[in-house]
Amino acid sequence: MRERTLIFPGAASPGLTLAPQRRGPGDPCYQVDADGSIWRTSLQPSGPVTARIYRIAADAVGCEAWGGGAEEFVEALPVLLGVDDDPGSFRPQHPVIESAAKRVPHLRLGRTARVLEALIPAVIEQRVTGADAFRAWRLLVTKFGTPAPGPAPARMRVPPPAEVWRRIPSWEFHRANVDPGRARTIVGCAQRADALERLSSRPAAAARDALTTLPGVGVWTAAETAQRAFGDTDALSIGDYHISKMIGWTLIGRPVDDAGMVELLEPERPYRYRAVRLLEASRLAYKPRFGARLPVQQISNL
């Protein structure tokens, strides 16, 4: 086991920072204990890891890690938890976003630097409901991932390596309700895994643009990946079924489309994703619960 304690320059909230990494309540790679401790699995270059991350004090976070990738994981812990992120560098231009920043001044954006682990679930989430995507991720990782090392909670798994994603049969994607188009994109991304992982050393915006050159990876998927893997403060999820409407309702009291969202958030550039996260984390984000919902396409029954 490896251990590490981080002292932050101000209040620490690992739960807020890591929340985007969770793919639904049943995520086999991310679980939260009743005491708020976060269990996270990952496949590091040096091997699999299970980590328990928890608050020690208002400005201190502890981590215990097990497995072959434990040392590498704890070494990168400051980056994961956004110790080097400076929330004070953002000067919100909209009063609602300014209020959100005052409510959660301790929100930090971290980065995993694990591109495939962020990209594949983003591909799974393309054009489907969250519940359907979370189920698919859970089924695939549970079947093709590896047991979590150490004293991990039951049913936790380490995500599969690229070579396993490349070999998953088409019918297994079908059973998980992942259509052939998304399955091909996942396999294609896994085939380019080495080059993709090198993107984490490039500037976030350039790395995000590079992702869009992949077949089946558009602006939305690249943004969702960049937010998590690169800590990209400006990665706006254009094309999301919900976010543009939420931004419209929250900032001007009515829904807007993607173009309207881009216009509303233009003054916040290069911190548009930070603005979205502040609204979400502060619970000032608002969208009425009515209107059409994405249907669940049960291709696994075909």
Protein backbone atom coordinates (compact mmCIF):
# COMPACT_ATOMS: atom_id res chain seq x y z
CA MET A 1 0.00 0.00 0.00
CA ARG A 2 1.09 3.57 -0.73
CA GLU A 3 -0.14 6.58 1.22
CA ARG A 4 -0.02 10.32 0.68
CA THR A 5 -1.42 13.46 2.28
CA LEU A 6 -2.01 16.66 0.31
CA ILE A 7 -2.31 20.12 1.85
CA PHE A 8 -4.26 22.55 -0.31
CA PRO A 9 -3.85 26.35 -0.47
CA GLY A 10 -7.38 26.76 0.86
CA ALA A 11 -10.41 24.51 1.28
CA ALA A 12 -10.32 21.10 -0.39
CA SER A 13 -13.30 19.25 -1.84
CA PRO A 14 -12.21 16.03 -3.56
CA GLY A 15 -15.84 15.03 -4.03
CA LEU A 16 -16.58 18.07 -6.20
CA THR A 17 -13.37 17.71 -8.16
CA LEU A 18 -13.77 14.00 -8.87
CA ALA A 19 -17.55 13.95 -9.44
CA PRO A 20 -17.28 14.16 -13.27
CA GLN A 21 -15.19 10.97 -13.24
CA ARG A 22 -18.15 8.94 -11.98
CA ARG A 23 -20.24 7.16 -14.61
CA GLY A 24 -23.45 6.68 -12.71
CA PRO A 25 -24.21 5.32 -9.23
CA GLY A 26 -23.20 1.77 -10.18
CA ASP A 27 -19.86 2.69 -11.75
CA PRO A 28 -17.52 -0.28 -11.09
CA CYS A 29 -14.55 2.12 -11.17
CA TYR A 30 -15.90 4.76 -8.76
CA GLN A 31 -17.78 4.28 -5.50
CA VAL A 32 -18.47 6.54 -2.51
CA ASP A 33 -18.64 5.32 1.10
CA ALA A 34 -21.18 6.58 3.60
CA ASP A 35 -18.45 8.69 5.21
CA GLY A 36 -17.70 10.42 1.89
CA SER A 37 -14.54 8.47 1.10
CA ILE A 38 -14.09 7.95 -2.63
CA TRP A 39 -12.93 4.63 -4.05
CA ARG A 40 -11.42 4.89 -7.52
CA THR A 41 -9.82 2.33 -9.81
CA SER A 42 -7.59 3.02 -12.78
CA LEU A 43 -5.14 1.32 -15.08
CA GLN A 44 -1.86 3.21 -14.85
CA PRO A 45 1.09 2.53 -17.19
CA SER A 46 2.72 0.73 -14.25
CA GLY A 47 -0.32 -1.42 -13.49
CA PRO A 48 -3.80 -1.49 -11.92
CA VAL A 49 -4.64 0.57 -8.86
CA THR A 50 -7.39 0.93 -6.30
CA ALA A 51 -7.36 4.20 -4.37
CA ARG A 52 -9.30 5.46 -1.39
CA ILE A 53 -9.40 9.27 -1.26
CA TYR A 54 -10.77 11.08 1.78
CA ARG A 55 -10.73 14.43 3.55
CA ILE A 56 -8.55 14.75 6.64
CA ALA A 57 -9.22 18.42 7.36
CA ALA A 58 -10.76 21.40 5.59
CA ASP A 59 -7.57 21.88 3.59
CA ALA A 60 -6.14 18.35 3.62
CA VAL A 61 -6.85 15.16 1.68
CA GLY A 62 -5.47 11.68 2.28
CA CYS A 63 -5.04 8.80 -0.15
CA GLU A 64 -4.35 5.09 0.25
CA ALA A 65 -3.56 3.09 -2.88
CA TRP A 66 -3.06 -0.60 -3.65
CA GLY A 67 -1.80 -2.48 -6.69
CA GLY A 68 0.99 -2.27 -9.22
CA GLY A 69 0.02 1.27 -10.19
CA ALA A 70 -0.25 2.58 -6.62
CA GLU A 71 3.01 4.51 -6.52
CA GLU A 72 2.35 6.17 -9.87
CA PHE A 73 -1.19 7.05 -8.82
CA VAL A 74 -0.22 8.76 -5.56
CA GLU A 75 2.60 10.59 -7.34
CA ALA A 76 0.02 12.13 -9.70
CA LEU A 77 -2.54 12.79 -6.94
CA PRO A 78 -1.99 16.59 -6.89
CA VAL A 79 -2.84 16.78 -10.58
CA LEU A 80 -5.89 14.53 -10.19
CA LEU A 81 -7.26 16.69 -7.38
CA GLY A 82 -6.43 20.01 -9.01
CA VAL A 83 -3.91 21.30 -6.49
CA ASP A 84 -2.31 23.30 -9.29
CA ASP A 85 -5.66 24.66 -10.48
CA ASP A 86 -6.25 28.29 -9.55
CA PRO A 87 -9.98 28.99 -9.19
CA GLY A 88 -9.18 32.61 -8.34
CA SER A 89 -7.91 33.23 -11.87
CA PHE A 90 -11.50 33.15 -13.14
CA ARG A 91 -13.45 36.43 -13.15
CA PRO A 92 -17.08 35.56 -13.99
CA GLN A 93 -18.87 38.01 -16.25
CA HIS A 94 -22.45 36.87 -15.57
CA PRO A 95 -23.96 37.56 -12.14
CA VAL A 96 -25.36 34.03 -11.74
CA ILE A 97 -21.98 32.49 -12.51
CA GLU A 98 -20.39 34.98 -10.13
CA SER A 99 -22.80 33.84 -7.41
CA ALA A 100 -21.91 30.22 -8.16
CA ALA A 101 -18.21 30.99 -7.80
CA LYS A 102 -18.86 32.55 -4.40
CA ARG A 103 -20.83 29.49 -3.26
CA VAL A 104 -18.12 26.99 -4.20
CA PRO A 105 -14.82 28.91 -4.25
CA HIS A 106 -13.05 25.63 -3.46
CA LEU A 107 -14.11 23.90 -6.69
CA ARG A 108 -10.98 22.74 -8.51
CA LEU A 109 -10.67 21.08 -11.90
CA GLY A 110 -8.39 18.06 -11.88
CA ARG A 111 -7.13 15.84 -14.65
CA THR A 112 -6.47 12.12 -14.87
CA ALA A 113 -4.07 12.15 -17.86
CA ARG A 114 -5.62 8.76 -18.75
CA VAL A 115 -7.12 9.48 -22.15
CA LEU A 116 -8.66 6.13 -23.06
CA GLU A 117 -10.34 5.83 -19.64
CA ALA A 118 -12.11 9.13 -20.34
CA LEU A 119 -12.69 8.66 -24.06
CA ILE A 120 -14.34 5.24 -24.15
CA PRO A 121 -17.16 6.03 -21.70
CA ALA A 122 -17.72 9.32 -23.55
CA VAL A 123 -18.17 7.36 -26.78
CA ILE A 124 -20.59 5.02 -25.02
CA GLU A 125 -22.59 8.08 -23.90
CA GLN A 126 -23.04 9.42 -27.44
CA ARG A 127 -26.70 10.02 -28.38
CA VAL A 128 -28.20 7.89 -25.60
CA THR A 129 -29.66 8.46 -22.15
CA GLY A 130 -27.35 8.57 -19.17
CA ALA A 131 -28.96 5.49 -17.65
CA ASP A 132 -28.43 3.46 -20.82
CA ALA A 133 -24.79 4.57 -21.12
CA PHE A 134 -24.04 3.91 -17.45
CA ARG A 135 -25.49 0.42 -17.75
CA ALA A 136 -23.38 -0.32 -20.83
CA TRP A 137 -20.20 0.91 -19.13
CA ARG A 138 -20.98 -1.17 -16.05
CA LEU A 139 -21.63 -4.34 -18.05
CA LEU A 140 -18.55 -4.03 -20.24
CA VAL A 141 -16.12 -3.11 -17.46
CA THR A 142 -17.51 -5.79 -15.15
CA LYS A 143 -17.09 -8.48 -17.80
CA PHE A 144 -13.82 -7.39 -19.42
CA GLY A 145 -12.08 -5.46 -16.66
CA THR A 146 -9.92 -7.02 -13.95
CA PRO A 147 -10.51 -7.37 -10.19
CA ALA A 148 -9.70 -4.25 -8.20
CA PRO A 149 -6.57 -4.76 -6.07
CA GLY A 150 -6.60 -4.21 -2.32
CA PRO A 151 -9.65 -3.94 -0.05
CA ALA A 152 -11.92 -2.42 -2.68
CA PRO A 153 -15.70 -2.46 -2.23
CA ALA A 154 -17.52 -5.41 -3.76
CA ARG A 155 -18.01 -5.42 -7.54
CA MET A 156 -15.32 -2.81 -8.23
CA ARG A 157 -13.21 -3.49 -11.32
CA VAL A 158 -10.22 -1.96 -13.09
CA PRO A 159 -11.00 -0.74 -16.64
CA PRO A 160 -9.80 -3.01 -19.44
CA PRO A 161 -6.54 -2.18 -21.23
CA ALA A 162 -6.58 -1.11 -24.86
CA GLU A 163 -5.76 -4.58 -26.16
CA VAL A 164 -8.86 -5.98 -24.46
CA TRP A 165 -11.15 -3.24 -25.80
CA ARG A 166 -9.81 -4.04 -29.28
CA ARG A 167 -10.81 -7.69 -28.96
CA ILE A 168 -14.32 -7.36 -27.51
CA PRO A 169 -16.65 -9.21 -29.92
CA SER A 170 -19.39 -7.25 -31.65
CA TRP A 171 -22.11 -9.31 -29.93
CA GLU A 172 -20.84 -8.28 -26.51
CA PHE A 173 -21.27 -4.63 -27.45
CA HIS A 174 -24.72 -5.55 -28.77
CA ARG A 175 -25.67 -7.18 -25.45
CA ALA A 176 -24.59 -3.99 -23.66
CA ASN A 177 -26.88 -1.98 -25.98
CA VAL A 178 -23.95 -0.30 -27.74
CA ASP A 179 -24.75 0.08 -31.44
CA PRO A 180 -22.24 -0.90 -34.16
CA GLY A 181 -21.23 2.70 -34.84
CA ARG A 182 -20.16 3.38 -31.26
CA ALA A 183 -18.57 -0.07 -31.02
CA ARG A 184 -16.43 0.64 -34.10
CA THR A 185 -15.38 3.98 -32.62
CA ILE A 186 -14.35 2.32 -29.34
CA VAL A 187 -12.28 -0.31 -31.15
CA GLY A 188 -10.72 2.34 -33.38
CA CYS A 189 -9.76 4.48 -30.38
CA ALA A 190 -8.27 1.45 -28.64
CA GLN A 191 -6.18 0.73 -31.73
CA ARG A 192 -4.66 4.22 -31.40
CA ALA A 193 -4.26 4.07 -27.63
CA ASP A 194 -0.53 4.80 -27.47
CA ALA A 195 -0.85 7.96 -29.55
CA LEU A 196 -3.93 9.03 -27.62
CA GLU A 197 -2.22 8.74 -24.25
CA ARG A 198 0.57 11.02 -25.50
CA LEU A 199 -2.00 13.79 -25.97
CA SER A 200 -2.01 14.38 -22.21
CA SER A 201 1.39 16.08 -22.55
CA ARG A 202 0.06 18.63 -25.07
CA PRO A 203 -1.82 21.87 -24.31
CA ALA A 204 -5.44 21.02 -23.51
CA ALA A 205 -7.01 22.89 -26.43
CA ALA A 206 -4.62 21.32 -28.95
CA ALA A 207 -5.19 17.86 -27.48
CA ARG A 208 -8.95 18.37 -27.67
CA ASP A 209 -8.72 19.36 -31.33
CA ALA A 210 -6.58 16.30 -32.04
CA LEU A 211 -9.28 14.04 -30.62
CA THR A 212 -11.79 15.29 -33.19
CA THR A 213 -9.63 13.85 -35.99
CA LEU A 214 -10.59 10.35 -34.84
CA PRO A 215 -13.44 8.68 -36.76
CA GLY A 216 -16.60 8.83 -34.66
CA VAL A 217 -15.23 11.43 -32.22
CA GLY A 218 -16.88 14.81 -32.56
CA VAL A 219 -16.78 18.07 -30.65
CA TRP A 220 -18.98 16.79 -27.81
CA THR A 221 -17.01 13.58 -27.23
CA ALA A 222 -13.69 15.44 -27.42
CA ALA A 223 -14.91 18.00 -24.88
CA GLU A 224 -16.18 15.36 -22.46
CA THR A 225 -12.81 13.62 -22.68
CA ALA A 226 -10.77 16.81 -22.36
CA GLN A 227 -12.67 17.88 -19.26
CA ARG A 228 -11.67 14.71 -17.44
CA ALA A 229 -8.31 13.71 -18.91
CA PHE A 230 -6.80 17.16 -19.51
CA GLY A 231 -8.59 19.37 -16.98
CA ASP A 232 -9.56 21.60 -19.90
CA THR A 233 -11.19 24.69 -18.39
CA ASP A 234 -12.75 25.75 -21.71
CA ALA A 235 -14.02 22.39 -23.03
CA LEU A 236 -17.68 23.18 -23.64
CA SER A 237 -19.93 20.18 -24.37
CA ILE A 238 -21.52 21.48 -27.56
CA GLY A 239 -24.14 19.02 -28.77
CA ASP A 240 -25.23 17.88 -25.32
CA TYR A 241 -28.94 17.10 -25.00
CA HIS A 242 -29.29 18.94 -21.69
CA ILE A 243 -26.50 21.46 -21.08
CA SER A 244 -27.50 24.16 -23.57
CA LYS A 245 -31.04 24.19 -22.19
CA MET A 246 -29.72 24.31 -18.63
CA ILE A 247 -27.46 27.24 -19.45
CA GLY A 248 -30.33 29.12 -21.05
CA TRP A 249 -32.76 28.55 -18.17
CA THR A 250 -30.11 29.37 -15.57
CA LEU A 251 -28.72 32.53 -17.13
CA ILE A 252 -31.68 34.10 -18.98
CA GLY A 253 -34.75 32.14 -17.85
CA ARG A 254 -35.50 30.30 -21.09
CA PRO A 255 -34.01 27.40 -23.06
CA VAL A 256 -31.46 28.01 -25.79
CA ASP A 257 -29.80 25.83 -28.40
CA ASP A 258 -26.08 25.23 -28.82
CA ALA A 259 -25.53 28.49 -30.67
CA GLY A 260 -27.33 30.37 -27.91
CA MET A 261 -25.24 28.66 -25.24
CA VAL A 262 -22.01 29.51 -27.06
CA GLU A 263 -23.11 33.14 -27.26
CA LEU A 264 -24.07 33.30 -23.58
CA LEU A 265 -20.79 31.76 -22.43
CA GLU A 266 -18.49 33.59 -24.84
CA PRO A 267 -17.60 36.24 -22.20
CA GLU A 268 -16.39 33.44 -19.90
CA ARG A 269 -13.81 32.11 -22.40
CA PRO A 270 -11.31 30.44 -21.71
CA TYR A 271 -13.22 29.19 -18.65
CA ARG A 272 -16.50 28.05 -20.17
CA TYR A 273 -16.32 24.54 -18.73
CA ARG A 274 -15.38 25.96 -15.35
CA ALA A 275 -18.49 28.14 -15.55
CA VAL A 276 -20.67 25.08 -16.26
CA ARG A 277 -19.13 23.11 -13.38
CA LEU A 278 -19.59 26.03 -11.00
CA LEU A 279 -23.29 26.20 -11.86
CA GLU A 280 -23.65 22.45 -11.35
CA ALA A 281 -21.61 22.23 -8.14
CA SER A 282 -23.29 25.28 -6.59
CA ARG A 283 -26.73 23.86 -7.45
CA LEU A 284 -27.65 27.11 -9.14
CA ALA A 285 -28.04 25.23 -12.44
CA TYR A 286 -31.72 25.09 -13.33
CA LYS A 287 -33.81 23.33 -15.94
CA PRO A 288 -37.54 22.57 -15.58
CA ARG A 289 -38.44 18.90 -15.55
CA PHE A 290 -40.61 18.79 -18.62
CA GLY A 291 -40.28 18.28 -22.34
CA ALA A 292 -39.08 15.45 -24.53
CA ARG A 293 -36.59 12.92 -23.29
CA LEU A 294 -34.23 10.78 -25.31
CA PRO A 295 -35.79 7.36 -25.88
CA VAL A 296 -33.88 4.27 -24.80
CA GLN A 297 -33.07 2.25 -27.91
CA GLN A 298 -32.99 -1.40 -26.82
CA ILE A 299 -30.86 -2.75 -29.64
CA SER A 300 -29.86 -5.67 -27.43
CA ASN A 301 -33.37 -7.08 -27.90
CA LEU A 302 -33.07 -7.12 -31.68
